[in-house]
Amino acid sequence: MILMKDIVREGHPMLRKVAEEVTFPLSTEEKQLAHDLLEYLKNSQNDEVCLQYGLRPGIGLAAPQVAVSKRIFALHIDEEEGKEPLSLIAINPKIISHSVEKTYLSSGEGCLSVDRDVDGYVPRYARITIKAFDEDGNEYKKRLKGLPAIAFQHELDHLNGIMFFDHIDPKAPYKEIPNSTPYDRN
């Protein structure tokens, strides 16, 4: 089980490295890693388990965040009002198309590898079409928008050695993002 002590923090060199492509079939360790990433997210959204193990809630977790240079991440977004829950493992994920329109979390983004609040808007594509593989090597495509699209882009950045705050304008963190609609989680 992944715990907070297993998640590397800002400044760790793994977070700035481009993760390696994964080959199929997955090794037993790679399958376990994918499972563990998703399990952490599910556990972190359960108040009782969070309290018991001192977990910080998260909706996405990438292999580099647990010091493994593999192109694997998991997303778990429990039911938002009126929206389908999303739970997936993405191996060798890619964005194959995206909207011109942008979006950003009006409250700003956070990260399990960053122990501080970072002010500012992080521009993301409002809608994306993605391609990835599941742990059995089956390719899948999905169209994502809103929070799932934002979270997917955040985790994909981790696989490319990019942190969310790299996208924030340091001189004007809350400047308006052209051609965008803010996304409000509430």
C-alpha atoms as a PDB file:
ATOM      1  CA  MET A   1       0.000   0.000   0.000  1.00  0.00           C
ATOM      2  CA  ILE A   2       1.358   3.425  -0.986  1.00  0.00           C
ATOM      3  CA  LEU A   3       1.547   5.890   1.911  1.00  0.00           C
ATOM      4  CA  MET A   4       2.505   9.573   2.009  1.00  0.00           C
ATOM      5  CA  LYS A   5       6.085   8.606   2.951  1.00  0.00           C
ATOM      6  CA  ASP A   6       6.352   6.778  -0.412  1.00  0.00           C
ATOM      7  CA  ILE A   7       5.460   9.869  -2.458  1.00  0.00           C
ATOM      8  CA  VAL A   8       8.516  11.905  -3.457  1.00  0.00           C
ATOM      9  CA  ARG A   9       8.326  15.638  -2.921  1.00  0.00           C
ATOM     10  CA  GLU A  10       9.172  18.756  -4.848  1.00  0.00           C
ATOM     11  CA  GLY A  11      12.924  18.920  -5.422  1.00  0.00           C
ATOM     12  CA  HIS A  12      13.339  15.156  -5.952  1.00  0.00           C
ATOM     13  CA  PRO A  13      15.161  14.587  -9.276  1.00  0.00           C
ATOM     14  CA  MET A  14      12.648  11.922 -10.429  1.00  0.00           C
ATOM     15  CA  LEU A  15       9.976  14.624 -10.732  1.00  0.00           C
ATOM     16  CA  ARG A  16      12.025  16.397 -13.407  1.00  0.00           C
ATOM     17  CA  LYS A  17      12.864  13.320 -15.466  1.00  0.00           C
ATOM     18  CA  VAL A  18      11.008  12.184 -18.596  1.00  0.00           C
ATOM     19  CA  ALA A  19       9.592   8.761 -17.686  1.00  0.00           C
ATOM     20  CA  GLU A  20      10.348   5.706 -19.824  1.00  0.00           C
ATOM     21  CA  GLU A  21       7.851   4.034 -22.179  1.00  0.00           C
ATOM     22  CA  VAL A  22       6.480   0.761 -20.866  1.00  0.00           C
ATOM     23  CA  THR A  23       6.638  -2.446 -22.925  1.00  0.00           C
ATOM     24  CA  PHE A  24       4.007  -5.175 -22.883  1.00  0.00           C
ATOM     25  CA  PRO A  25       3.311  -7.573 -21.383  1.00  0.00           C
ATOM     26  CA  LEU A  26       3.774  -5.755 -18.098  1.00  0.00           C
ATOM     27  CA  SER A  27       5.976  -7.310 -15.465  1.00  0.00           C
ATOM     28  CA  THR A  28       4.388  -8.394 -12.197  1.00  0.00           C
ATOM     29  CA  GLU A  29       5.987  -5.317 -10.562  1.00  0.00           C
ATOM     30  CA  GLU A  30       4.547  -2.940 -13.181  1.00  0.00           C
ATOM     31  CA  LYS A  31       1.047  -4.422 -12.800  1.00  0.00           C
ATOM     32  CA  GLN A  32       1.348  -4.088  -9.019  1.00  0.00           C
ATOM     33  CA  LEU A  33       2.534  -0.489  -9.355  1.00  0.00           C
ATOM     34  CA  ALA A  34      -0.464   0.418 -11.546  1.00  0.00           C
ATOM     35  CA  HIS A  35      -2.805  -1.252  -9.050  1.00  0.00           C
ATOM     36  CA  ASP A  36      -1.109   0.490  -6.086  1.00  0.00           C
ATOM     37  CA  LEU A  37      -1.373   3.949  -7.689  1.00  0.00           C
ATOM     38  CA  LEU A  38      -5.119   3.506  -8.189  1.00  0.00           C
ATOM     39  CA  GLU A  39      -5.564   1.969  -4.733  1.00  0.00           C
ATOM     40  CA  TYR A  40      -3.870   5.016  -3.124  1.00  0.00           C
ATOM     41  CA  LEU A  41      -6.356   7.350  -4.841  1.00  0.00           C
ATOM     42  CA  LYS A  42      -9.374   5.307  -3.785  1.00  0.00           C
ATOM     43  CA  ASN A  43      -8.061   5.077  -0.202  1.00  0.00           C
ATOM     44  CA  SER A  44      -7.277   8.803  -0.148  1.00  0.00           C
ATOM     45  CA  GLN A  45     -10.902   9.620  -0.945  1.00  0.00           C
ATOM     46  CA  ASN A  46     -12.171   7.583   2.009  1.00  0.00           C
ATOM     47  CA  ASP A  47     -12.200   9.785   5.121  1.00  0.00           C
ATOM     48  CA  GLU A  48     -11.743   6.846   7.511  1.00  0.00           C
ATOM     49  CA  VAL A  49      -8.744   5.395   5.642  1.00  0.00           C
ATOM     50  CA  CYS A  50      -7.225   8.894   5.232  1.00  0.00           C
ATOM     51  CA  LEU A  51      -7.373   9.427   8.963  1.00  0.00           C
ATOM     52  CA  GLN A  52      -6.056   5.945   9.791  1.00  0.00           C
ATOM     53  CA  TYR A  53      -3.014   6.181   7.475  1.00  0.00           C
ATOM     54  CA  GLY A  54      -2.460   9.964   7.316  1.00  0.00           C
ATOM     55  CA  LEU A  55      -3.152  10.189   3.585  1.00  0.00           C
ATOM     56  CA  ARG A  56      -3.676  13.385   1.639  1.00  0.00           C
ATOM     57  CA  PRO A  57      -6.643  13.186  -0.733  1.00  0.00           C
ATOM     58  CA  GLY A  58      -5.769  13.002  -4.426  1.00  0.00           C
ATOM     59  CA  ILE A  59      -7.433  12.321  -7.770  1.00  0.00           C
ATOM     60  CA  GLY A  60      -4.306  11.437  -9.744  1.00  0.00           C
ATOM     61  CA  LEU A  61      -0.959   9.794  -9.048  1.00  0.00           C
ATOM     62  CA  ALA A  62       1.885   9.074 -11.484  1.00  0.00           C
ATOM     63  CA  ALA A  63       4.693   6.511 -11.231  1.00  0.00           C
ATOM     64  CA  PRO A  64       7.423   9.209 -11.048  1.00  0.00           C
ATOM     65  CA  GLN A  65       5.727  10.473  -7.871  1.00  0.00           C
ATOM     66  CA  VAL A  66       6.680   7.187  -6.200  1.00  0.00           C
ATOM     67  CA  ALA A  67      10.207   7.369  -7.695  1.00  0.00           C
ATOM     68  CA  VAL A  68       9.566   4.988 -10.617  1.00  0.00           C
ATOM     69  CA  SER A  69      10.486   6.224 -14.099  1.00  0.00           C
ATOM     70  CA  LYS A  70       7.624   4.562 -16.004  1.00  0.00           C
ATOM     71  CA  ARG A  71       4.893   6.124 -18.151  1.00  0.00           C
ATOM     72  CA  ILE A  72       2.054   4.959 -15.869  1.00  0.00           C
ATOM     73  CA  PHE A  73      -0.510   6.932 -13.907  1.00  0.00           C
ATOM     74  CA  ALA A  74      -3.891   6.436 -12.312  1.00  0.00           C
ATOM     75  CA  LEU A  75      -6.910   8.721 -12.021  1.00  0.00           C
ATOM     76  CA  HIS A  76      -9.836   8.281  -9.681  1.00  0.00           C
ATOM     77  CA  ILE A  77     -12.502  10.943  -9.599  1.00  0.00           C
ATOM     78  CA  ASP A  78     -15.451   9.943  -7.488  1.00  0.00           C
ATOM     79  CA  GLU A  79     -18.879  11.118  -8.469  1.00  0.00           C
ATOM     80  CA  GLU A  80     -19.086  14.836  -8.954  1.00  0.00           C
ATOM     81  CA  GLU A  81     -22.622  16.095  -8.976  1.00  0.00           C
ATOM     82  CA  GLY A  82     -24.321  14.991 -12.186  1.00  0.00           C
ATOM     83  CA  LYS A  83     -21.127  13.527 -13.661  1.00  0.00           C
ATOM     84  CA  GLU A  84     -19.931   9.977 -14.177  1.00  0.00           C
ATOM     85  CA  PRO A  85     -17.162   8.776 -11.851  1.00  0.00           C
ATOM     86  CA  LEU A  86     -13.846   8.111 -13.589  1.00  0.00           C
ATOM     87  CA  SER A  87     -11.369   5.455 -12.512  1.00  0.00           C
ATOM     88  CA  LEU A  88      -8.541   4.462 -14.829  1.00  0.00           C
ATOM     89  CA  ILE A  89      -4.983   3.297 -15.211  1.00  0.00           C
ATOM     90  CA  ALA A  90      -3.163   4.938 -18.111  1.00  0.00           C
ATOM     91  CA  ILE A  91      -0.026   3.313 -19.500  1.00  0.00           C
ATOM     92  CA  ASN A  92       1.965   5.139 -22.207  1.00  0.00           C
ATOM     93  CA  PRO A  93      -0.803   7.783 -22.374  1.00  0.00           C
ATOM     94  CA  LYS A  94      -1.017  10.406 -25.114  1.00  0.00           C
ATOM     95  CA  ILE A  95      -3.284  13.297 -25.989  1.00  0.00           C
ATOM     96  CA  ILE A  96      -4.244  12.738 -29.630  1.00  0.00           C
ATOM     97  CA  SER A  97      -6.407  15.851 -30.034  1.00  0.00           C
ATOM     98  CA  HIS A  98      -7.500  18.815 -27.951  1.00  0.00           C
ATOM     99  CA  SER A  99      -9.785  21.826 -28.031  1.00  0.00           C
ATOM    100  CA  VAL A 100      -8.591  25.315 -28.829  1.00  0.00           C
ATOM    101  CA  GLU A 101     -10.539  26.464 -25.775  1.00  0.00           C
ATOM    102  CA  LYS A 102      -8.676  26.368 -22.480  1.00  0.00           C
ATOM    103  CA  THR A 103      -9.824  25.895 -18.914  1.00  0.00           C
ATOM    104  CA  TYR A 104      -8.290  26.103 -15.452  1.00  0.00           C
ATOM    105  CA  LEU A 105      -9.282  25.238 -11.905  1.00  0.00           C
ATOM    106  CA  SER A 106     -10.608  28.443 -10.383  1.00  0.00           C
ATOM    107  CA  SER A 107      -9.222  27.344  -7.003  1.00  0.00           C
ATOM    108  CA  GLY A 108      -5.804  26.484  -8.501  1.00  0.00           C
ATOM    109  CA  GLU A 109      -4.166  23.071  -8.707  1.00  0.00           C
ATOM    110  CA  GLY A 110      -2.478  21.066  -5.990  1.00  0.00           C
ATOM    111  CA  CYS A 111      -0.225  18.038  -6.050  1.00  0.00           C
ATOM    112  CA  LEU A 112       0.605  15.192  -3.678  1.00  0.00           C
ATOM    113  CA  SER A 113       4.299  15.905  -4.357  1.00  0.00           C
ATOM    114  CA  VAL A 114       3.992  19.575  -3.379  1.00  0.00           C
ATOM    115  CA  ASP A 115       3.588  20.348   0.326  1.00  0.00           C
ATOM    116  CA  ARG A 116       2.765  24.015  -0.122  1.00  0.00           C
ATOM    117  CA  ASP A 117      -0.045  26.067  -1.596  1.00  0.00           C
ATOM    118  CA  VAL A 118       0.882  27.518  -4.974  1.00  0.00           C
ATOM    119  CA  ASP A 119      -1.211  30.477  -6.084  1.00  0.00           C
ATOM    120  CA  GLY A 120      -2.182  30.901  -9.693  1.00  0.00           C
ATOM    121  CA  TYR A 121      -4.105  29.601 -12.657  1.00  0.00           C
ATOM    122  CA  VAL A 122      -2.783  26.613 -14.605  1.00  0.00           C
ATOM    123  CA  PRO A 123      -4.006  26.749 -18.220  1.00  0.00           C
ATOM    124  CA  ARG A 124      -5.178  23.388 -19.575  1.00  0.00           C
ATOM    125  CA  TYR A 125      -7.091  22.281 -22.668  1.00  0.00           C
ATOM    126  CA  ALA A 126     -10.830  22.251 -21.955  1.00  0.00           C
ATOM    127  CA  ARG A 127     -11.447  19.039 -23.925  1.00  0.00           C
ATOM    128  CA  ILE A 128      -9.018  16.303 -24.902  1.00  0.00           C
ATOM    129  CA  THR A 129      -9.119  12.967 -26.681  1.00  0.00           C
ATOM    130  CA  ILE A 130      -6.644  10.564 -25.165  1.00  0.00           C
ATOM    131  CA  LYS A 131      -5.163   7.216 -26.047  1.00  0.00           C
ATOM    132  CA  ALA A 132      -3.582   4.874 -23.515  1.00  0.00           C
ATOM    133  CA  PHE A 133      -3.233   1.222 -22.578  1.00  0.00           C
ATOM    134  CA  ASP A 134      -4.670  -0.637 -19.603  1.00  0.00           C
ATOM    135  CA  GLU A 135      -2.613  -3.050 -17.516  1.00  0.00           C
ATOM    136  CA  ASP A 136      -3.488  -5.936 -19.849  1.00  0.00           C
ATOM    137  CA  GLY A 137      -2.100  -4.100 -22.890  1.00  0.00           C
ATOM    138  CA  ASN A 138      -5.500  -3.173 -24.359  1.00  0.00           C
ATOM    139  CA  GLU A 139      -5.493   0.216 -26.050  1.00  0.00           C
ATOM    140  CA  TYR A 140      -8.381   2.542 -25.274  1.00  0.00           C
ATOM    141  CA  LYS A 141      -9.484   6.023 -26.298  1.00  0.00           C
ATOM    142  CA  LYS A 142     -11.538   8.474 -24.266  1.00  0.00           C
ATOM    143  CA  ARG A 143     -12.832  11.993 -24.619  1.00  0.00           C
ATOM    144  CA  LEU A 144     -12.403  13.976 -21.424  1.00  0.00           C
ATOM    145  CA  LYS A 145     -13.537  17.413 -20.339  1.00  0.00           C
ATOM    146  CA  GLY A 146     -13.743  19.369 -17.114  1.00  0.00           C
ATOM    147  CA  LEU A 147     -11.945  17.959 -14.080  1.00  0.00           C
ATOM    148  CA  PRO A 148     -10.998  14.619 -15.744  1.00  0.00           C
ATOM    149  CA  ALA A 149      -9.313  16.517 -18.621  1.00  0.00           C
ATOM    150  CA  ILE A 150      -7.457  18.790 -16.193  1.00  0.00           C
ATOM    151  CA  ALA A 151      -6.321  15.850 -14.028  1.00  0.00           C
ATOM    152  CA  PHE A 152      -5.195  13.819 -17.065  1.00  0.00           C
ATOM    153  CA  GLN A 153      -3.033  16.717 -18.284  1.00  0.00           C
ATOM    154  CA  HIS A 154      -1.590  17.233 -14.774  1.00  0.00           C
ATOM    155  CA  GLU A 155      -0.548  13.559 -14.542  1.00  0.00           C
ATOM    156  CA  LEU A 156       0.753  13.456 -18.129  1.00  0.00           C
ATOM    157  CA  ASP A 157       2.967  16.427 -17.209  1.00  0.00           C
ATOM    158  CA  HIS A 158       4.460  14.296 -14.393  1.00  0.00           C
ATOM    159  CA  LEU A 159       5.519  11.727 -16.994  1.00  0.00           C
ATOM    160  CA  ASN A 160       7.328  14.513 -18.860  1.00  0.00           C
ATOM    161  CA  GLY A 161       9.131  16.020 -15.863  1.00  0.00           C
ATOM    162  CA  ILE A 162       6.809  19.035 -15.685  1.00  0.00           C
ATOM    163  CA  MET A 163       5.259  20.356 -12.479  1.00  0.00           C
ATOM    164  CA  PHE A 164       1.895  22.145 -12.498  1.00  0.00           C
ATOM    165  CA  PHE A 165       3.407  25.404 -11.242  1.00  0.00           C
ATOM    166  CA  ASP A 166       5.672  25.526 -14.322  1.00  0.00           C
ATOM    167  CA  HIS A 167       2.532  26.678 -16.211  1.00  0.00           C
ATOM    168  CA  ILE A 168       1.758  29.572 -13.836  1.00  0.00           C
ATOM    169  CA  ASP A 169       2.893  33.044 -14.878  1.00  0.00           C
ATOM    170  CA  PRO A 170       5.169  34.054 -11.970  1.00  0.00           C
ATOM    171  CA  LYS A 171       4.655  37.788 -12.654  1.00  0.00           C
ATOM    172  CA  ALA A 172       0.847  37.550 -12.830  1.00  0.00           C
ATOM    173  CA  PRO A 173      -0.348  34.233 -11.364  1.00  0.00           C
ATOM    174  CA  TYR A 174      -4.043  35.175 -11.631  1.00  0.00           C
ATOM    175  CA  LYS A 175      -3.956  36.868 -15.018  1.00  0.00           C
ATOM    176  CA  GLU A 176      -6.850  36.056 -17.292  1.00  0.00           C
ATOM    177  CA  ILE A 177      -6.208  33.105 -19.599  1.00  0.00           C
ATOM    178  CA  PRO A 178      -7.332  33.970 -23.146  1.00  0.00           C
ATOM    179  CA  ASN A 179     -10.061  31.818 -24.707  1.00  0.00           C
ATOM    180  CA  SER A 180     -10.771  29.981 -21.470  1.00  0.00           C
ATOM    181  CA  THR A 181     -13.618  29.108 -19.129  1.00  0.00           C
ATOM    182  CA  PRO A 182     -12.772  28.531 -15.452  1.00  0.00           C
ATOM    183  CA  TYR A 183     -13.718  25.193 -13.951  1.00  0.00           C
ATOM    184  CA  ASP A 184     -15.141  25.326 -10.449  1.00  0.00           C
ATOM    185  CA  ARG A 185     -15.076  22.054  -8.486  1.00  0.00           C
ATOM    186  CA  ASN A 186     -17.949  23.063  -6.209  1.00  0.00           C
END
